N, C-alpha and C. Protein backbone atom coordinates (compact mmCIF):
# COMPACT_ATOMS: atom_id res chain seq x y z
N MET A 1 -4.08 38.31 -45.59
CA MET A 1 -3.48 37.46 -44.59
C MET A 1 -4.08 37.80 -43.22
N THR A 2 -4.52 36.77 -42.53
CA THR A 2 -5.06 36.98 -41.18
C THR A 2 -4.07 36.45 -40.17
N ILE A 3 -4.20 37.00 -38.97
CA ILE A 3 -3.31 36.61 -37.87
C ILE A 3 -4.18 36.07 -36.75
N ASP A 4 -3.68 35.05 -36.09
CA ASP A 4 -4.39 34.48 -34.94
C ASP A 4 -4.66 35.57 -33.92
N PRO A 5 -5.92 35.73 -33.46
CA PRO A 5 -6.25 36.80 -32.54
C PRO A 5 -5.42 36.77 -31.24
N LEU A 6 -5.14 35.59 -30.72
CA LEU A 6 -4.37 35.49 -29.50
C LEU A 6 -2.94 35.98 -29.73
N LEU A 7 -2.38 35.63 -30.88
CA LEU A 7 -1.03 36.10 -31.22
C LEU A 7 -1.03 37.62 -31.37
N LEU A 8 -2.06 38.15 -32.03
CA LEU A 8 -2.16 39.59 -32.23
C LEU A 8 -2.24 40.34 -30.90
N VAL A 9 -3.12 39.87 -30.02
CA VAL A 9 -3.27 40.55 -28.73
C VAL A 9 -1.99 40.43 -27.91
N SER A 10 -1.32 39.31 -28.01
CA SER A 10 -0.04 39.10 -27.30
C SER A 10 1.03 40.06 -27.82
N LEU A 11 1.15 40.16 -29.13
CA LEU A 11 2.13 41.06 -29.72
C LEU A 11 1.84 42.51 -29.40
N ARG A 12 0.60 42.90 -29.57
CA ARG A 12 0.20 44.29 -29.30
C ARG A 12 0.39 44.65 -27.82
N SER A 13 -0.01 43.78 -26.94
CA SER A 13 0.13 44.04 -25.51
C SER A 13 1.58 44.09 -25.08
N THR A 14 2.37 43.19 -25.60
CA THR A 14 3.79 43.16 -25.27
C THR A 14 4.47 44.47 -25.76
N PHE A 15 4.16 44.90 -26.97
CA PHE A 15 4.73 46.13 -27.49
C PHE A 15 4.36 47.30 -26.58
N ALA A 16 3.08 47.39 -26.21
CA ALA A 16 2.63 48.49 -25.36
C ALA A 16 3.29 48.41 -23.97
N LEU A 17 3.43 47.19 -23.43
CA LEU A 17 4.07 47.02 -22.13
C LEU A 17 5.51 47.49 -22.16
N VAL A 18 6.26 47.13 -23.19
CA VAL A 18 7.65 47.56 -23.31
C VAL A 18 7.70 49.07 -23.47
N ALA A 19 6.85 49.63 -24.33
CA ALA A 19 6.85 51.08 -24.54
C ALA A 19 6.51 51.81 -23.25
N ASP A 20 5.50 51.33 -22.54
CA ASP A 20 5.11 51.99 -21.28
C ASP A 20 6.22 51.88 -20.24
N ALA A 21 6.85 50.73 -20.16
CA ALA A 21 7.96 50.54 -19.18
C ALA A 21 9.12 51.46 -19.51
N LEU A 22 9.46 51.58 -20.77
CA LEU A 22 10.57 52.46 -21.16
C LEU A 22 10.22 53.93 -20.88
N ALA A 23 9.02 54.33 -21.18
CA ALA A 23 8.59 55.70 -20.89
C ALA A 23 8.59 55.97 -19.39
N ALA A 24 8.12 55.00 -18.63
CA ALA A 24 8.09 55.16 -17.17
C ALA A 24 9.52 55.29 -16.60
N ARG A 25 10.40 54.48 -17.12
CA ARG A 25 11.78 54.53 -16.65
C ARG A 25 12.45 55.87 -17.01
N ARG A 26 12.18 56.34 -18.20
CA ARG A 26 12.84 57.54 -18.71
C ARG A 26 12.21 58.83 -18.17
N TYR A 27 10.87 58.88 -18.07
CA TYR A 27 10.21 60.12 -17.75
C TYR A 27 9.48 60.17 -16.40
N VAL A 28 8.89 59.04 -15.99
CA VAL A 28 8.09 59.07 -14.77
C VAL A 28 8.93 58.81 -13.57
N TRP A 29 9.67 57.72 -13.53
CA TRP A 29 10.41 57.36 -12.32
C TRP A 29 11.39 58.43 -11.86
N PRO A 30 12.17 59.08 -12.76
CA PRO A 30 13.10 60.10 -12.30
C PRO A 30 12.41 61.25 -11.58
N ARG A 31 11.17 61.52 -11.93
CA ARG A 31 10.45 62.64 -11.31
C ARG A 31 9.76 62.21 -10.01
N ILE A 32 9.12 61.05 -10.01
CA ILE A 32 8.38 60.67 -8.80
C ILE A 32 9.34 60.19 -7.72
N SER A 33 10.48 59.69 -8.08
CA SER A 33 11.39 59.19 -7.04
C SER A 33 11.97 60.32 -6.20
N LEU A 34 11.81 61.55 -6.66
CA LEU A 34 12.27 62.73 -5.88
C LEU A 34 11.23 63.14 -4.84
N LEU A 35 10.03 62.62 -4.99
CA LEU A 35 8.92 63.00 -4.07
C LEU A 35 8.85 62.06 -2.88
N ALA A 36 8.19 62.52 -1.87
CA ALA A 36 7.85 61.62 -0.73
C ALA A 36 6.96 60.52 -1.31
N PRO A 37 7.05 59.31 -0.77
CA PRO A 37 6.27 58.21 -1.36
C PRO A 37 4.77 58.49 -1.53
N ALA A 38 4.15 59.08 -0.54
CA ALA A 38 2.71 59.33 -0.64
C ALA A 38 2.40 60.32 -1.75
N ALA A 39 3.23 61.31 -1.95
CA ALA A 39 3.04 62.27 -3.06
C ALA A 39 3.31 61.60 -4.37
N ALA A 40 4.27 60.73 -4.43
CA ALA A 40 4.60 60.02 -5.70
C ALA A 40 3.48 59.05 -6.09
N LEU A 41 2.74 58.55 -5.11
CA LEU A 41 1.68 57.58 -5.39
C LEU A 41 0.49 58.24 -6.10
N VAL A 42 0.25 59.50 -5.86
CA VAL A 42 -0.94 60.15 -6.39
C VAL A 42 -1.06 60.05 -7.92
N PRO A 43 -0.09 60.48 -8.71
CA PRO A 43 -0.26 60.35 -10.15
C PRO A 43 -0.33 58.89 -10.63
N LEU A 44 0.33 57.99 -9.91
CA LEU A 44 0.32 56.58 -10.28
C LEU A 44 -1.06 55.96 -10.05
N VAL A 45 -1.70 56.35 -8.97
CA VAL A 45 -3.04 55.86 -8.67
C VAL A 45 -4.06 56.45 -9.61
N TRP A 46 -3.87 57.72 -10.02
CA TRP A 46 -4.82 58.34 -10.95
C TRP A 46 -4.99 57.53 -12.23
N VAL A 47 -3.93 56.88 -12.68
CA VAL A 47 -4.03 56.05 -13.90
C VAL A 47 -5.11 54.99 -13.74
N HIS A 48 -5.32 54.52 -12.53
CA HIS A 48 -6.27 53.44 -12.27
C HIS A 48 -7.71 53.94 -12.10
N VAL A 49 -7.90 55.20 -11.79
CA VAL A 49 -9.25 55.75 -11.65
C VAL A 49 -10.01 55.56 -12.94
N PHE A 50 -9.32 55.70 -14.04
CA PHE A 50 -9.96 55.58 -15.36
C PHE A 50 -10.19 54.15 -15.78
N ARG A 51 -9.86 53.25 -14.91
CA ARG A 51 -10.10 51.83 -15.18
C ARG A 51 -11.61 51.56 -15.27
N SER A 52 -12.40 52.50 -14.82
CA SER A 52 -13.84 52.35 -14.96
C SER A 52 -14.26 52.20 -16.42
N VAL A 53 -13.41 52.59 -17.35
CA VAL A 53 -13.69 52.41 -18.77
C VAL A 53 -13.90 50.93 -19.09
N GLY A 54 -13.31 50.07 -18.30
CA GLY A 54 -13.49 48.61 -18.51
C GLY A 54 -14.94 48.20 -18.30
N GLY A 55 -15.69 49.04 -17.60
CA GLY A 55 -17.12 48.75 -17.42
C GLY A 55 -17.91 48.85 -18.73
N SER A 56 -17.28 49.39 -19.74
CA SER A 56 -17.96 49.51 -21.05
C SER A 56 -18.29 48.16 -21.63
N ILE A 57 -17.61 47.11 -21.18
CA ILE A 57 -17.89 45.77 -21.67
C ILE A 57 -19.31 45.32 -21.28
N LEU A 58 -19.91 46.00 -20.32
CA LEU A 58 -21.26 45.65 -19.87
C LEU A 58 -22.33 46.28 -20.78
N ALA A 59 -21.96 47.26 -21.61
CA ALA A 59 -22.94 47.92 -22.46
C ALA A 59 -23.46 46.99 -23.56
N PRO A 60 -24.72 47.09 -23.85
CA PRO A 60 -25.29 46.24 -24.93
C PRO A 60 -24.51 46.50 -26.24
N GLY A 61 -24.13 45.42 -26.88
CA GLY A 61 -23.45 45.50 -28.17
C GLY A 61 -21.98 45.87 -28.10
N ALA A 62 -21.42 46.03 -26.91
CA ALA A 62 -20.05 46.41 -26.78
C ALA A 62 -19.08 45.35 -27.27
N VAL A 63 -19.50 44.12 -27.13
CA VAL A 63 -18.71 42.96 -27.60
C VAL A 63 -19.65 42.01 -28.32
N GLY A 64 -19.05 41.09 -29.06
CA GLY A 64 -19.84 40.13 -29.79
C GLY A 64 -20.64 39.23 -28.86
N PRO A 65 -21.70 38.63 -29.40
CA PRO A 65 -22.57 37.79 -28.61
C PRO A 65 -21.87 36.51 -28.12
N GLY A 66 -20.74 36.16 -28.67
CA GLY A 66 -20.01 34.97 -28.24
C GLY A 66 -19.23 35.17 -26.95
N VAL A 67 -19.10 36.43 -26.48
CA VAL A 67 -18.43 36.68 -25.23
C VAL A 67 -19.43 36.41 -24.09
N PRO A 68 -19.16 35.43 -23.26
CA PRO A 68 -20.12 35.05 -22.22
C PRO A 68 -20.45 36.18 -21.27
N ALA A 69 -21.72 36.26 -20.87
CA ALA A 69 -22.16 37.27 -19.93
C ALA A 69 -21.38 37.19 -18.64
N ARG A 70 -21.08 35.97 -18.20
CA ARG A 70 -20.32 35.79 -16.96
C ARG A 70 -18.97 36.46 -17.04
N PHE A 71 -18.28 36.33 -18.20
CA PHE A 71 -16.99 36.98 -18.43
C PHE A 71 -17.16 38.51 -18.42
N ARG A 72 -18.17 39.00 -19.17
CA ARG A 72 -18.37 40.45 -19.24
C ARG A 72 -18.64 41.05 -17.86
N GLU A 73 -19.45 40.37 -17.08
CA GLU A 73 -19.75 40.88 -15.74
C GLU A 73 -18.54 40.87 -14.84
N MET A 74 -17.77 39.81 -14.92
CA MET A 74 -16.57 39.69 -14.09
C MET A 74 -15.58 40.81 -14.42
N VAL A 75 -15.33 41.05 -15.69
CA VAL A 75 -14.39 42.09 -16.13
C VAL A 75 -14.96 43.47 -15.85
N GLY A 76 -16.19 43.71 -16.22
CA GLY A 76 -16.79 45.03 -16.05
C GLY A 76 -16.88 45.47 -14.62
N TYR A 77 -17.45 44.61 -13.80
CA TYR A 77 -17.58 44.99 -12.37
C TYR A 77 -16.24 44.98 -11.66
N GLY A 78 -15.36 44.07 -12.03
CA GLY A 78 -14.03 44.07 -11.42
C GLY A 78 -13.28 45.38 -11.68
N ASP A 79 -13.36 45.86 -12.94
CA ASP A 79 -12.70 47.12 -13.26
C ASP A 79 -13.34 48.29 -12.56
N MET A 80 -14.66 48.31 -12.48
CA MET A 80 -15.32 49.44 -11.82
C MET A 80 -15.05 49.43 -10.31
N ILE A 81 -14.99 48.27 -9.70
CA ILE A 81 -14.66 48.19 -8.27
C ILE A 81 -13.22 48.66 -8.04
N THR A 82 -12.31 48.23 -8.91
CA THR A 82 -10.94 48.64 -8.77
C THR A 82 -10.81 50.14 -8.96
N ALA A 83 -11.53 50.71 -9.89
CA ALA A 83 -11.51 52.17 -10.11
C ALA A 83 -12.04 52.92 -8.87
N ALA A 84 -13.09 52.35 -8.26
CA ALA A 84 -13.62 52.97 -7.03
C ALA A 84 -12.60 52.88 -5.90
N LEU A 85 -11.91 51.75 -5.79
CA LEU A 85 -10.86 51.62 -4.77
C LEU A 85 -9.72 52.62 -5.02
N ALA A 86 -9.42 52.88 -6.28
CA ALA A 86 -8.40 53.89 -6.62
C ALA A 86 -8.83 55.26 -6.15
N LEU A 87 -10.10 55.59 -6.33
CA LEU A 87 -10.59 56.87 -5.82
C LEU A 87 -10.50 56.95 -4.30
N VAL A 88 -10.85 55.86 -3.63
CA VAL A 88 -10.75 55.84 -2.17
C VAL A 88 -9.29 56.03 -1.76
N ALA A 89 -8.38 55.39 -2.48
CA ALA A 89 -6.94 55.55 -2.18
C ALA A 89 -6.48 56.98 -2.36
N LEU A 90 -6.98 57.62 -3.41
CA LEU A 90 -6.63 59.05 -3.63
C LEU A 90 -7.15 59.93 -2.51
N ILE A 91 -8.37 59.67 -2.08
CA ILE A 91 -8.95 60.42 -0.97
C ILE A 91 -8.12 60.23 0.29
N ALA A 92 -7.75 58.99 0.55
CA ALA A 92 -6.93 58.69 1.73
C ALA A 92 -5.57 59.38 1.65
N LEU A 93 -4.97 59.38 0.48
CA LEU A 93 -3.67 60.06 0.30
C LEU A 93 -3.83 61.58 0.49
N ALA A 94 -4.90 62.13 -0.02
CA ALA A 94 -5.14 63.59 0.12
C ALA A 94 -5.38 63.95 1.58
N ALA A 95 -6.03 63.08 2.32
CA ALA A 95 -6.30 63.33 3.74
C ALA A 95 -5.08 63.15 4.61
N LYS A 96 -4.04 62.50 4.04
CA LYS A 96 -2.80 62.25 4.74
C LYS A 96 -3.01 61.53 6.05
N GLY A 97 -3.95 60.60 6.06
CA GLY A 97 -4.25 59.84 7.24
C GLY A 97 -3.26 58.72 7.48
N ASP A 98 -3.33 58.18 8.69
CA ASP A 98 -2.43 57.10 9.09
C ASP A 98 -2.59 55.85 8.23
N ARG A 99 -3.74 55.65 7.67
CA ARG A 99 -4.04 54.41 6.92
C ARG A 99 -3.88 54.59 5.40
N ALA A 100 -3.45 55.72 4.94
CA ALA A 100 -3.40 55.97 3.49
C ALA A 100 -2.57 54.92 2.74
N ILE A 101 -1.39 54.64 3.24
CA ILE A 101 -0.53 53.67 2.58
C ILE A 101 -1.20 52.30 2.57
N TRP A 102 -1.83 51.93 3.65
CA TRP A 102 -2.55 50.65 3.73
C TRP A 102 -3.67 50.59 2.70
N VAL A 103 -4.41 51.67 2.54
CA VAL A 103 -5.50 51.73 1.55
C VAL A 103 -4.95 51.54 0.14
N VAL A 104 -3.80 52.14 -0.15
CA VAL A 104 -3.20 51.97 -1.48
C VAL A 104 -2.78 50.52 -1.68
N TRP A 105 -2.24 49.89 -0.64
CA TRP A 105 -1.90 48.47 -0.75
C TRP A 105 -3.13 47.63 -1.09
N VAL A 106 -4.22 47.88 -0.42
CA VAL A 106 -5.46 47.12 -0.67
C VAL A 106 -5.89 47.32 -2.12
N PHE A 107 -5.92 48.58 -2.56
CA PHE A 107 -6.32 48.85 -3.93
C PHE A 107 -5.42 48.17 -4.95
N VAL A 108 -4.11 48.25 -4.79
CA VAL A 108 -3.19 47.71 -5.81
C VAL A 108 -3.27 46.17 -5.83
N VAL A 109 -3.39 45.55 -4.67
CA VAL A 109 -3.52 44.08 -4.64
C VAL A 109 -4.82 43.63 -5.29
N VAL A 110 -5.93 44.27 -4.95
CA VAL A 110 -7.21 43.94 -5.57
C VAL A 110 -7.12 44.14 -7.08
N GLY A 111 -6.54 45.26 -7.51
CA GLY A 111 -6.40 45.52 -8.93
C GLY A 111 -5.57 44.49 -9.66
N LEU A 112 -4.46 44.09 -9.08
CA LEU A 112 -3.62 43.10 -9.72
C LEU A 112 -4.31 41.73 -9.77
N LEU A 113 -5.02 41.37 -8.68
CA LEU A 113 -5.76 40.11 -8.68
C LEU A 113 -6.88 40.15 -9.75
N ASP A 114 -7.56 41.29 -9.85
CA ASP A 114 -8.59 41.39 -10.89
C ASP A 114 -8.00 41.28 -12.29
N THR A 115 -6.86 41.91 -12.49
CA THR A 115 -6.21 41.84 -13.81
C THR A 115 -5.78 40.42 -14.12
N ALA A 116 -5.17 39.75 -13.17
CA ALA A 116 -4.72 38.38 -13.38
C ALA A 116 -5.92 37.47 -13.68
N ASN A 117 -6.99 37.64 -12.91
CA ASN A 117 -8.20 36.85 -13.14
C ASN A 117 -8.75 37.13 -14.54
N ALA A 118 -8.78 38.38 -14.96
CA ALA A 118 -9.33 38.70 -16.28
C ALA A 118 -8.49 38.04 -17.39
N VAL A 119 -7.18 38.02 -17.23
CA VAL A 119 -6.32 37.40 -18.22
C VAL A 119 -6.61 35.90 -18.29
N VAL A 120 -6.64 35.24 -17.14
CA VAL A 120 -6.88 33.82 -17.10
C VAL A 120 -8.27 33.47 -17.68
N GLN A 121 -9.28 34.25 -17.30
CA GLN A 121 -10.61 33.97 -17.79
C GLN A 121 -10.76 34.29 -19.27
N SER A 122 -10.01 35.27 -19.77
CA SER A 122 -10.08 35.56 -21.20
C SER A 122 -9.54 34.38 -22.01
N MET A 123 -8.55 33.72 -21.45
CA MET A 123 -8.01 32.50 -22.13
C MET A 123 -9.03 31.36 -22.01
N ARG A 124 -9.59 31.21 -20.82
CA ARG A 124 -10.56 30.15 -20.58
C ARG A 124 -11.74 30.23 -21.54
N TYR A 125 -12.23 31.47 -21.73
CA TYR A 125 -13.40 31.66 -22.59
C TYR A 125 -13.04 31.99 -24.04
N SER A 126 -11.75 32.01 -24.36
CA SER A 126 -11.28 32.33 -25.75
C SER A 126 -11.91 33.61 -26.27
N VAL A 127 -11.94 34.65 -25.46
CA VAL A 127 -12.62 35.90 -25.86
C VAL A 127 -11.94 36.62 -26.97
N PHE A 128 -10.67 36.38 -27.21
CA PHE A 128 -9.98 37.09 -28.28
C PHE A 128 -10.38 36.58 -29.67
N ASP A 129 -11.14 35.51 -29.70
CA ASP A 129 -11.68 35.00 -30.95
C ASP A 129 -12.99 35.72 -31.31
N GLU A 130 -13.47 36.55 -30.41
CA GLU A 130 -14.78 37.21 -30.58
C GLU A 130 -14.58 38.67 -30.86
N PRO A 131 -15.56 39.35 -31.46
CA PRO A 131 -15.49 40.80 -31.64
C PRO A 131 -15.50 41.48 -30.27
N LEU A 132 -14.50 42.33 -30.03
CA LEU A 132 -14.38 43.01 -28.75
C LEU A 132 -14.57 44.52 -28.80
N GLY A 133 -14.73 45.06 -29.99
CA GLY A 133 -14.93 46.50 -30.13
C GLY A 133 -13.83 47.27 -29.44
N VAL A 134 -14.18 48.35 -28.78
CA VAL A 134 -13.22 49.23 -28.11
C VAL A 134 -12.49 48.48 -27.00
N ASN A 135 -13.04 47.40 -26.52
CA ASN A 135 -12.38 46.63 -25.44
C ASN A 135 -11.07 46.06 -25.93
N TRP A 136 -10.90 45.89 -27.24
CA TRP A 136 -9.62 45.43 -27.79
C TRP A 136 -8.52 46.45 -27.46
N VAL A 137 -8.85 47.74 -27.64
CA VAL A 137 -7.91 48.79 -27.35
C VAL A 137 -7.60 48.85 -25.85
N ILE A 138 -8.61 48.67 -25.03
CA ILE A 138 -8.42 48.70 -23.59
C ILE A 138 -7.42 47.60 -23.18
N VAL A 139 -7.62 46.40 -23.73
CA VAL A 139 -6.77 45.28 -23.38
C VAL A 139 -5.33 45.47 -23.87
N THR A 140 -5.20 45.98 -25.09
CA THR A 140 -3.86 46.03 -25.68
C THR A 140 -3.12 47.33 -25.47
N ALA A 141 -3.79 48.36 -25.01
CA ALA A 141 -3.13 49.65 -24.78
C ALA A 141 -3.19 50.09 -23.32
N TYR A 142 -4.34 50.00 -22.71
CA TYR A 142 -4.51 50.52 -21.36
C TYR A 142 -4.05 49.52 -20.29
N VAL A 143 -4.33 48.25 -20.45
CA VAL A 143 -3.91 47.26 -19.45
C VAL A 143 -2.38 47.25 -19.25
N PRO A 144 -1.59 47.32 -20.33
CA PRO A 144 -0.14 47.41 -20.08
C PRO A 144 0.27 48.64 -19.25
N ALA A 145 -0.40 49.76 -19.48
CA ALA A 145 -0.12 50.96 -18.69
C ALA A 145 -0.51 50.74 -17.21
N LEU A 146 -1.60 50.02 -16.99
CA LEU A 146 -2.02 49.67 -15.63
C LEU A 146 -0.97 48.81 -14.93
N LEU A 147 -0.42 47.87 -15.68
CA LEU A 147 0.60 46.97 -15.10
C LEU A 147 1.85 47.74 -14.73
N VAL A 148 2.29 48.63 -15.61
CA VAL A 148 3.49 49.43 -15.30
C VAL A 148 3.21 50.34 -14.11
N SER A 149 2.06 50.96 -14.11
CA SER A 149 1.69 51.81 -12.96
C SER A 149 1.62 51.01 -11.69
N SER A 150 1.07 49.82 -11.72
CA SER A 150 0.98 48.97 -10.52
C SER A 150 2.39 48.63 -10.01
N TYR A 151 3.29 48.33 -10.93
CA TYR A 151 4.66 48.04 -10.55
C TYR A 151 5.28 49.25 -9.85
N LEU A 152 5.11 50.43 -10.40
CA LEU A 152 5.64 51.64 -9.78
C LEU A 152 4.99 51.92 -8.42
N ILE A 153 3.70 51.66 -8.33
CA ILE A 153 3.00 51.83 -7.04
C ILE A 153 3.61 50.91 -6.00
N ILE A 154 3.86 49.67 -6.35
CA ILE A 154 4.45 48.74 -5.39
C ILE A 154 5.86 49.20 -4.98
N LEU A 155 6.64 49.69 -5.94
CA LEU A 155 7.94 50.24 -5.58
C LEU A 155 7.83 51.40 -4.59
N GLU A 156 6.86 52.24 -4.82
CA GLU A 156 6.64 53.38 -3.91
C GLU A 156 6.14 52.92 -2.54
N LEU A 157 5.29 51.93 -2.53
CA LEU A 157 4.81 51.39 -1.24
C LEU A 157 5.93 50.76 -0.44
N ILE A 158 6.83 50.09 -1.12
CA ILE A 158 8.01 49.53 -0.45
C ILE A 158 8.88 50.67 0.07
N ARG A 159 9.05 51.70 -0.76
CA ARG A 159 9.86 52.86 -0.34
C ARG A 159 9.21 53.55 0.87
N ALA A 160 7.89 53.61 0.89
CA ALA A 160 7.20 54.22 2.03
C ALA A 160 7.42 53.42 3.31
N ARG A 161 7.49 52.12 3.15
CA ARG A 161 7.74 51.26 4.31
C ARG A 161 9.14 51.44 4.86
N GLN A 162 10.09 51.72 3.95
CA GLN A 162 11.48 51.92 4.35
C GLN A 162 11.76 53.32 4.81
N ALA A 163 10.82 54.25 4.57
CA ALA A 163 11.00 55.65 4.99
C ALA A 163 10.97 55.74 6.50
N PRO A 164 11.39 56.86 7.03
CA PRO A 164 11.34 57.05 8.50
C PRO A 164 9.91 56.75 9.00
N SER A 165 9.83 56.21 10.17
CA SER A 165 8.55 55.72 10.69
C SER A 165 7.56 56.84 10.99
N SER A 166 7.97 58.06 11.01
CA SER A 166 7.04 59.14 11.29
C SER A 166 6.02 59.26 10.17
N THR A 167 4.75 59.15 10.55
CA THR A 167 3.68 59.23 9.59
C THR A 167 3.71 60.60 8.90
N ALA A 168 4.00 61.63 9.62
CA ALA A 168 4.05 62.97 9.04
C ALA A 168 5.06 63.06 7.91
N ARG A 169 6.24 62.49 8.12
CA ARG A 169 7.26 62.53 7.08
C ARG A 169 6.89 61.62 5.90
N ARG A 170 6.31 60.48 6.21
CA ARG A 170 5.98 59.51 5.16
C ARG A 170 4.85 60.05 4.25
N LEU A 171 3.95 60.78 4.80
CA LEU A 171 2.80 61.28 4.02
C LEU A 171 3.00 62.72 3.55
N ALA A 172 4.15 63.28 3.76
CA ALA A 172 4.39 64.68 3.35
C ALA A 172 4.25 64.84 1.86
């Protein structure tokens, strides 16, 4: 018995998203919510540094020949750029500069736009009907974790905005 690839990716991604959200609520949020927002952001942003793995779609033979080059380039470079922005955000948070929270906002917005675009384009190009190799695991296991992490990052950024206006206290 075969299953429609789009249904399979939807089921697998939804399962991972629910599991990641439950784990975050049970184990991550109780611990990071005790930290100053900038300190809480660090482990959440680290999850995105490894988004560079999405660049593997650019490797020869990583996906079937039916996956358009334009799609592969959009996903691969988008993920690598987002991973680089995550590193910049970590550096800014470590430096405890005045712009650290702003840098994290830029990174998370770019990352979410890239993810949304990748989802839309994957439907447009019907990429789930093609062999995706390890990229199948990235889409169905890692992307849900990125979404949960992005949600928590946004919560922390909002909390940082509501924190006392002193930069020193906000970045402690």
